[in-house]
Protein backbone atom coordinates (compact mmCIF):
# COMPACT_ATOMS: atom_id res chain seq x y z
CA MET A 1 98.20 112.73 98.63
CA ALA A 2 101.22 110.46 98.20
CA ALA A 3 100.20 108.69 95.01
CA ALA A 4 97.13 108.31 92.85
CA PHE A 5 96.29 106.57 89.63
CA TYR A 6 94.61 108.57 86.91
CA PRO A 7 91.28 106.72 86.44
CA THR A 8 91.48 106.62 82.63
CA GLY A 9 95.07 105.35 82.80
CA LEU A 10 94.17 102.63 85.27
CA LYS A 11 91.22 101.61 83.10
CA ALA A 12 93.53 101.46 80.08
CA ILE A 13 95.88 99.12 81.98
CA LEU A 14 92.97 96.90 83.05
CA ASP A 15 91.59 96.87 79.48
CA ALA A 16 95.10 95.98 78.14
CA ASP A 17 95.27 99.26 76.20
CA ILE A 18 98.46 100.05 78.13
CA ASP A 19 101.11 97.33 78.33
CA LEU A 20 103.59 98.45 81.00
CA LEU A 21 106.26 96.10 79.64
CA ALA A 22 105.88 96.62 75.87
CA ASP A 23 104.79 100.26 75.61
CA THR A 24 107.03 103.33 75.94
CA ILE A 25 106.52 104.39 79.56
CA LYS A 26 107.99 107.71 80.69
CA LEU A 27 108.51 109.64 83.90
CA ALA A 28 107.97 113.41 84.04
CA LEU A 29 109.23 115.66 86.86
CA ILE A 30 106.48 118.03 88.07
CA ASP A 31 106.32 121.41 89.83
CA THR A 32 103.11 121.28 91.89
CA GLY A 33 103.19 125.05 92.19
CA THR A 34 102.03 124.96 88.58
CA TYR A 35 100.22 121.61 88.33
CA THR A 36 97.58 120.09 90.60
CA TYR A 37 96.50 116.46 90.23
CA SER A 38 92.97 115.96 88.93
CA SER A 39 91.25 112.63 88.41
CA GLY A 40 89.73 114.25 85.31
CA HIS A 41 93.11 114.60 83.61
CA ASP A 42 93.73 111.87 81.08
CA PHE A 43 96.52 112.79 78.65
CA TYR A 44 100.00 114.35 78.81
CA ASN A 45 98.67 117.60 77.32
CA ASP A 46 96.70 118.10 80.59
CA LEU A 47 99.98 118.51 82.50
CA SER A 48 101.66 121.80 83.32
CA GLY A 49 104.77 122.41 85.35
CA VAL A 50 106.89 119.72 83.69
CA VAL A 51 110.52 120.33 84.68
CA GLY A 52 113.20 119.20 82.24
CA THR A 53 112.67 116.48 79.67
CA PRO A 54 110.74 113.32 80.62
CA GLY A 55 112.80 110.13 80.79
CA THR A 56 112.00 106.75 79.27
CA LEU A 57 111.88 103.73 81.57
CA ALA A 58 114.00 100.79 80.39
CA ASN A 59 114.03 97.08 81.23
CA LYS A 60 110.64 97.17 82.92
CA THR A 61 109.37 94.16 84.89
CA THR A 62 106.30 93.27 86.91
CA THR A 63 107.73 90.42 88.96
CA GLY A 64 105.61 89.41 91.93
CA GLY A 65 103.09 92.17 91.21
CA THR A 66 105.72 94.89 91.65
CA PHE A 67 106.54 97.31 88.84
CA ASP A 68 110.29 97.82 88.45
CA ALA A 69 112.56 99.49 85.89
CA ASP A 70 116.17 100.48 85.50
CA ASP A 71 117.19 103.54 87.46
CA LEU A 72 116.83 106.73 85.43
CA THR A 73 119.07 109.79 85.36
CA PHE A 74 117.75 113.18 84.30
CA THR A 75 120.84 115.12 83.22
CA ALA A 76 121.58 118.79 83.80
CA VAL A 77 118.14 119.64 85.20
CA SER A 78 117.37 123.28 85.88
CA GLY A 79 114.17 125.20 86.40
CA SER A 80 111.36 125.15 88.91
CA SER A 81 111.18 123.07 92.08
CA ILE A 82 110.06 119.45 91.78
CA GLU A 83 107.45 118.04 94.16
CA ALA A 84 105.98 115.18 92.12
CA VAL A 85 106.41 112.81 89.20
CA VAL A 86 103.93 111.55 86.65
CA ILE A 87 104.22 108.17 84.94
CA TYR A 88 102.61 108.02 81.52
CA LYS A 89 102.54 106.07 78.24
CA ASP A 90 104.19 108.02 75.41
CA THR A 91 102.38 107.56 72.10
CA GLY A 92 104.38 110.29 70.36
CA ASN A 93 101.42 112.67 70.61
CA THR A 94 100.77 114.64 73.81
CA ALA A 95 97.00 114.60 73.13
CA THR A 96 96.90 110.78 73.10
CA SER A 97 99.62 109.90 75.67
CA PRO A 98 97.65 108.54 78.67
CA LEU A 99 98.58 109.53 82.21
CA ILE A 100 99.01 106.54 84.52
CA CYS A 101 100.10 107.61 87.99
CA PHE A 102 100.86 110.77 90.01
CA ILE A 103 103.35 110.52 92.90
CA ASP A 104 104.04 113.53 95.12
CA GLY A 105 105.81 114.23 98.38
CA LEU A 106 109.13 115.16 96.78
CA SER A 107 111.14 118.28 97.51
CA LEU A 108 113.92 119.01 95.04
CA THR A 109 115.34 122.24 93.72
CA PRO A 110 117.19 121.69 90.43
CA ASN A 111 120.64 123.26 90.28
CA GLY A 112 121.76 122.23 86.80
CA GLY A 113 123.01 118.85 88.03
CA ASN A 114 121.62 115.37 87.58
CA ILE A 115 118.50 114.01 89.24
CA ASN A 116 118.25 110.25 89.78
CA ALA A 117 115.05 108.23 89.87
CA THR A 118 115.58 104.86 91.55
CA PHE A 119 113.20 101.96 91.14
CA ASP A 120 113.91 99.47 93.91
CA ALA A 121 112.94 95.87 93.17
CA SER A 122 110.88 95.83 96.39
CA GLY A 123 108.56 98.44 94.89
CA ILE A 124 109.95 101.52 96.59
CA PHE A 125 110.45 104.52 94.31
CA LYS A 126 113.04 107.17 95.24
CA ILE A 127 114.14 110.37 93.58
CA GLY A 128 116.99 112.71 94.47
CA THR A 129 120.23 114.33 93.43
């Protein structure tokens, strides 16, 4: 699996319950040794294996049908290996913060340094140190 939408998150976008531009959208780094994607997961409290503190996406756009945001730096990350990220809407409550998308295929081992998430305007997402 390279990427998958969480069905309830996708439905929320289609029903306009999630506004990718106006809502607080965050990115969480995930250790897949602890967490496995499930289409039945719907809220942030279903996640395990979150590494570090999730980051908030800023200056989001959807130009030409492509989701873009400012690049994001996770500072001083340590802990378990990172093989995936989860994009979600933060409501301030983990039990009501809907999961949007799971992206795996990463291979990072935190060493206490920064990890950068790059959103390319062409729609290509990259993560690395």
